[in-house]
Amino acid sequence: MTNSCLGKIRSYYERFSEKDKIIANYILENPDSIIHRTINEVAEDLNVADATVFRFCKRIGFKGYQAIKIALALESNTQIKQIHEEISEQDNEKTIGITSFPRSPISLNVDVALYTSSDKAEYRSEANVSRIAQLSLIDALYENLKSLNKEKVH
């Protein structure tokens, strides 16, 4: 049997109750968002009790919700590293990562790390400030590349 969180969910899927399948589908469809959500938020999204989510985590072999979040984060980091290695080996291309945190897994696994800075977000809705800063940087990069490629064409 697989040790990965998503692999465990897939292997147990047919034996799950209907509520467990709802939780399983949510995790399988949104593994990266689970990392940033509380057990209360997930339970509320799925219209189930917090205890139901907790029992699901125990049922697939984790100590609790926090353990499943850690497992998903590690899997996500491994996938990023594998993608980076595949791109580097196959295409000899440079990878660029944009983050607000210099010691994040993204910044450690890319050829060029770009950092954005924004005021600390105390509330969930304020986290959009960081996203907007990162999207602005992507827009600026895109426009510069577009103008460079125009000059080469003419």
C-alpha atoms as a PDB file:
ATOM      1  CA  MET A   1       0.000   0.000   0.000  1.00  0.00           C
ATOM      2  CA  THR A   2       1.162   3.538  -0.717  1.00  0.00           C
ATOM      3  CA  ASN A   3       2.396   5.854   2.032  1.00  0.00           C
ATOM      4  CA  SER A   4       1.267   9.053   0.353  1.00  0.00           C
ATOM      5  CA  CYS A   5      -1.838  10.750   1.666  1.00  0.00           C
ATOM      6  CA  LEU A   6      -3.555  10.943  -1.716  1.00  0.00           C
ATOM      7  CA  GLY A   7      -2.584   7.350  -2.447  1.00  0.00           C
ATOM      8  CA  LYS A   8      -4.118   6.181   0.839  1.00  0.00           C
ATOM      9  CA  ILE A   9      -7.342   8.006   0.059  1.00  0.00           C
ATOM     10  CA  ARG A  10      -7.535   6.422  -3.388  1.00  0.00           C
ATOM     11  CA  SER A  11      -6.799   2.939  -2.070  1.00  0.00           C
ATOM     12  CA  TYR A  12      -9.447   3.127   0.688  1.00  0.00           C
ATOM     13  CA  TYR A  13     -12.014   4.982  -1.420  1.00  0.00           C
ATOM     14  CA  GLU A  14     -14.348   2.069  -2.207  1.00  0.00           C
ATOM     15  CA  ARG A  15     -14.618   1.190   1.494  1.00  0.00           C
ATOM     16  CA  PHE A  16     -15.563   4.730   2.600  1.00  0.00           C
ATOM     17  CA  SER A  17     -19.009   5.726   3.832  1.00  0.00           C
ATOM     18  CA  GLU A  18     -20.882   8.387   1.866  1.00  0.00           C
ATOM     19  CA  LYS A  19     -19.634  11.169   4.194  1.00  0.00           C
ATOM     20  CA  ASP A  20     -16.086   9.863   3.962  1.00  0.00           C
ATOM     21  CA  LYS A  21     -16.351   9.894   0.155  1.00  0.00           C
ATOM     22  CA  ILE A  22     -17.428  13.536   0.297  1.00  0.00           C
ATOM     23  CA  ILE A  23     -14.328  14.363   2.355  1.00  0.00           C
ATOM     24  CA  ALA A  24     -12.122  12.187   0.143  1.00  0.00           C
ATOM     25  CA  ASN A  25     -13.355  13.881  -3.034  1.00  0.00           C
ATOM     26  CA  TYR A  26     -12.758  17.296  -1.512  1.00  0.00           C
ATOM     27  CA  ILE A  27      -9.171  16.422  -0.582  1.00  0.00           C
ATOM     28  CA  LEU A  28      -8.436  14.726  -3.915  1.00  0.00           C
ATOM     29  CA  GLU A  29      -9.783  17.727  -5.844  1.00  0.00           C
ATOM     30  CA  ASN A  30      -8.174  20.402  -3.621  1.00  0.00           C
ATOM     31  CA  PRO A  31      -5.011  18.972  -2.033  1.00  0.00           C
ATOM     32  CA  ASP A  32      -3.159  22.297  -2.079  1.00  0.00           C
ATOM     33  CA  SER A  33      -6.000  24.279  -0.533  1.00  0.00           C
ATOM     34  CA  ILE A  34      -6.362  21.800   2.368  1.00  0.00           C
ATOM     35  CA  ILE A  35      -2.894  22.832   3.533  1.00  0.00           C
ATOM     36  CA  HIS A  36      -4.130  26.370   4.206  1.00  0.00           C
ATOM     37  CA  ARG A  37      -7.534  25.578   5.670  1.00  0.00           C
ATOM     38  CA  THR A  38      -8.599  24.724   9.194  1.00  0.00           C
ATOM     39  CA  ILE A  39     -10.615  21.647  10.059  1.00  0.00           C
ATOM     40  CA  ASN A  40     -13.546  23.976  10.828  1.00  0.00           C
ATOM     41  CA  GLU A  41     -13.406  25.537   7.346  1.00  0.00           C
ATOM     42  CA  VAL A  42     -13.280  22.154   5.608  1.00  0.00           C
ATOM     43  CA  ALA A  43     -16.142  20.798   7.729  1.00  0.00           C
ATOM     44  CA  GLU A  44     -18.196  23.919   7.018  1.00  0.00           C
ATOM     45  CA  ASP A  45     -17.531  23.686   3.260  1.00  0.00           C
ATOM     46  CA  LEU A  46     -18.694  20.071   3.246  1.00  0.00           C
ATOM     47  CA  ASN A  47     -21.557  20.525   5.688  1.00  0.00           C
ATOM     48  CA  VAL A  48     -20.206  17.858   8.038  1.00  0.00           C
ATOM     49  CA  ALA A  49     -19.059  17.972  11.656  1.00  0.00           C
ATOM     50  CA  ASP A  50     -15.426  18.703  12.577  1.00  0.00           C
ATOM     51  CA  ALA A  51     -15.371  15.291  14.263  1.00  0.00           C
ATOM     52  CA  THR A  52     -16.307  13.623  10.958  1.00  0.00           C
ATOM     53  CA  VAL A  53     -13.284  15.178   9.254  1.00  0.00           C
ATOM     54  CA  PHE A  54     -11.075  14.214  12.207  1.00  0.00           C
ATOM     55  CA  ARG A  55     -12.311  10.592  12.158  1.00  0.00           C
ATOM     56  CA  PHE A  56     -11.676  10.463   8.397  1.00  0.00           C
ATOM     57  CA  CYS A  57      -8.049  11.454   9.000  1.00  0.00           C
ATOM     58  CA  LYS A  58      -7.698   8.744  11.655  1.00  0.00           C
ATOM     59  CA  ARG A  59      -9.389   6.168   9.416  1.00  0.00           C
ATOM     60  CA  ILE A  60      -6.732   6.538   6.703  1.00  0.00           C
ATOM     61  CA  GLY A  61      -3.882   6.268   9.197  1.00  0.00           C
ATOM     62  CA  PHE A  62      -3.088   9.806  10.358  1.00  0.00           C
ATOM     63  CA  LYS A  63      -3.087  11.078  13.943  1.00  0.00           C
ATOM     64  CA  GLY A  64      -5.445  13.895  13.014  1.00  0.00           C
ATOM     65  CA  TYR A  65      -6.176  16.748  10.648  1.00  0.00           C
ATOM     66  CA  GLN A  66      -2.862  18.517  11.271  1.00  0.00           C
ATOM     67  CA  ALA A  67      -0.968  15.351  10.297  1.00  0.00           C
ATOM     68  CA  ILE A  68      -2.860  15.078   7.012  1.00  0.00           C
ATOM     69  CA  LYS A  69      -2.079  18.736   6.254  1.00  0.00           C
ATOM     70  CA  ILE A  70       1.633  18.105   6.848  1.00  0.00           C
ATOM     71  CA  ALA A  71       1.568  15.004   4.629  1.00  0.00           C
ATOM     72  CA  LEU A  72      -0.146  16.939   1.825  1.00  0.00           C
ATOM     73  CA  ALA A  73       2.360  19.795   2.140  1.00  0.00           C
ATOM     74  CA  LEU A  74       5.275  17.366   1.879  1.00  0.00           C
ATOM     75  CA  GLU A  75       3.700  15.681  -1.152  1.00  0.00           C
ATOM     76  CA  SER A  76       3.161  19.067  -2.783  1.00  0.00           C
ATOM     77  CA  ASN A  77       6.797  20.060  -2.153  1.00  0.00           C
ATOM     78  CA  THR A  78       7.989  16.755  -3.636  1.00  0.00           C
ATOM     79  CA  GLN A  79       5.866  17.300  -6.737  1.00  0.00           C
ATOM     80  CA  ILE A  80       7.284  20.827  -7.183  1.00  0.00           C
ATOM     81  CA  LYS A  81      10.801  19.465  -6.915  1.00  0.00           C
ATOM     82  CA  GLN A  82      10.064  16.656  -9.407  1.00  0.00           C
ATOM     83  CA  ILE A  83       8.532  19.090 -11.903  1.00  0.00           C
ATOM     84  CA  HIS A  84      11.536  21.391 -11.547  1.00  0.00           C
ATOM     85  CA  GLU A  85      13.945  18.503 -12.133  1.00  0.00           C
ATOM     86  CA  GLU A  86      11.998  17.287 -15.186  1.00  0.00           C
ATOM     87  CA  ILE A  87      11.971  20.758 -16.743  1.00  0.00           C
ATOM     88  CA  SER A  88      15.657  21.307 -16.033  1.00  0.00           C
ATOM     89  CA  GLU A  89      16.715  17.921 -17.404  1.00  0.00           C
ATOM     90  CA  GLN A  90      14.474  17.765 -20.458  1.00  0.00           C
ATOM     91  CA  ASP A  91      14.364  21.299 -21.769  1.00  0.00           C
ATOM     92  CA  ASN A  92      17.398  22.938 -20.222  1.00  0.00           C
ATOM     93  CA  GLU A  93      15.047  25.801 -19.327  1.00  0.00           C
ATOM     94  CA  LYS A  94      15.262  28.138 -16.368  1.00  0.00           C
ATOM     95  CA  THR A  95      12.465  28.071 -13.826  1.00  0.00           C
ATOM     96  CA  ILE A  96      11.208  31.174 -12.050  1.00  0.00           C
ATOM     97  CA  GLY A  97       9.406  31.182  -8.718  1.00  0.00           C
ATOM     98  CA  ILE A  98       7.494  34.051  -7.154  1.00  0.00           C
ATOM     99  CA  THR A  99       6.985  34.100  -3.409  1.00  0.00           C
ATOM    100  CA  SER A 100       6.932  36.367  -0.387  1.00  0.00           C
ATOM    101  CA  PHE A 101       9.088  34.032   1.674  1.00  0.00           C
ATOM    102  CA  PRO A 102      12.812  33.668   0.892  1.00  0.00           C
ATOM    103  CA  ARG A 103      13.074  30.287   2.639  1.00  0.00           C
ATOM    104  CA  SER A 104       9.991  28.732   1.029  1.00  0.00           C
ATOM    105  CA  PRO A 105      10.280  25.427  -0.861  1.00  0.00           C
ATOM    106  CA  ILE A 106       9.564  27.283  -4.093  1.00  0.00           C
ATOM    107  CA  SER A 107      12.477  29.682  -3.700  1.00  0.00           C
ATOM    108  CA  LEU A 108      14.819  26.809  -2.856  1.00  0.00           C
ATOM    109  CA  ASN A 109      13.843  24.764  -5.932  1.00  0.00           C
ATOM    110  CA  VAL A 110      13.928  27.297  -8.776  1.00  0.00           C
ATOM    111  CA  ASP A 111      16.712  28.803 -10.844  1.00  0.00           C
ATOM    112  CA  VAL A 112      15.480  32.369 -10.357  1.00  0.00           C
ATOM    113  CA  ALA A 113      13.534  33.351  -7.248  1.00  0.00           C
ATOM    114  CA  LEU A 114      11.557  36.594  -7.322  1.00  0.00           C
ATOM    115  CA  TYR A 115      10.206  38.029  -4.097  1.00  0.00           C
ATOM    116  CA  THR A 116       7.265  40.298  -3.477  1.00  0.00           C
ATOM    117  CA  SER A 117       6.616  42.339  -0.391  1.00  0.00           C
ATOM    118  CA  SER A 118       3.313  43.457   1.071  1.00  0.00           C
ATOM    119  CA  ASP A 119       1.929  44.403   4.450  1.00  0.00           C
ATOM    120  CA  LYS A 120       1.357  41.514   6.824  1.00  0.00           C
ATOM    121  CA  ALA A 121      -2.087  39.992   6.370  1.00  0.00           C
ATOM    122  CA  GLU A 122      -3.867  39.629   9.682  1.00  0.00           C
ATOM    123  CA  TYR A 123      -7.145  38.513   8.158  1.00  0.00           C
ATOM    124  CA  ARG A 124      -7.827  35.965   5.441  1.00  0.00           C
ATOM    125  CA  SER A 125      -9.237  38.574   3.022  1.00  0.00           C
ATOM    126  CA  GLU A 126      -6.057  40.635   3.385  1.00  0.00           C
ATOM    127  CA  ALA A 127      -4.015  37.749   1.976  1.00  0.00           C
ATOM    128  CA  ASN A 128      -5.226  38.978  -1.406  1.00  0.00           C
ATOM    129  CA  VAL A 129      -2.725  41.843  -1.106  1.00  0.00           C
ATOM    130  CA  SER A 130       0.115  39.347  -1.416  1.00  0.00           C
ATOM    131  CA  ARG A 131      -1.554  37.656  -4.391  1.00  0.00           C
ATOM    132  CA  ILE A 132      -2.076  40.990  -6.129  1.00  0.00           C
ATOM    133  CA  ALA A 133       1.619  41.853  -5.662  1.00  0.00           C
ATOM    134  CA  GLN A 134       2.608  38.516  -7.200  1.00  0.00           C
ATOM    135  CA  LEU A 135       0.160  38.867 -10.092  1.00  0.00           C
ATOM    136  CA  SER A 136       1.475  42.376 -10.774  1.00  0.00           C
ATOM    137  CA  LEU A 137       4.969  40.961 -11.032  1.00  0.00           C
ATOM    138  CA  ILE A 138       3.763  38.270 -13.470  1.00  0.00           C
ATOM    139  CA  ASP A 139       2.028  40.948 -15.577  1.00  0.00           C
ATOM    140  CA  ALA A 140       5.204  43.037 -15.686  1.00  0.00           C
ATOM    141  CA  LEU A 141       7.287  40.024 -16.748  1.00  0.00           C
ATOM    142  CA  TYR A 142       4.759  39.098 -19.421  1.00  0.00           C
ATOM    143  CA  GLU A 143       4.632  42.610 -20.878  1.00  0.00           C
ATOM    144  CA  ASN A 144       8.434  42.837 -20.972  1.00  0.00           C
ATOM    145  CA  LEU A 145       8.738  39.476 -22.737  1.00  0.00           C
ATOM    146  CA  LYS A 146       6.021  40.481 -25.178  1.00  0.00           C
ATOM    147  CA  SER A 147       7.802  43.715 -26.068  1.00  0.00           C
ATOM    148  CA  LEU A 148      11.163  41.905 -26.422  1.00  0.00           C
ATOM    149  CA  ASN A 149       9.622  39.352 -28.766  1.00  0.00           C
ATOM    150  CA  LYS A 150       7.990  42.113 -30.844  1.00  0.00           C
ATOM    151  CA  GLU A 151      11.389  43.690 -31.401  1.00  0.00           C
ATOM    152  CA  LYS A 152      12.817  40.361 -32.592  1.00  0.00           C
ATOM    153  CA  VAL A 153       9.952  39.837 -35.042  1.00  0.00           C
ATOM    154  CA  HIS A 154      10.264  43.266 -36.702  1.00  0.00           C
END
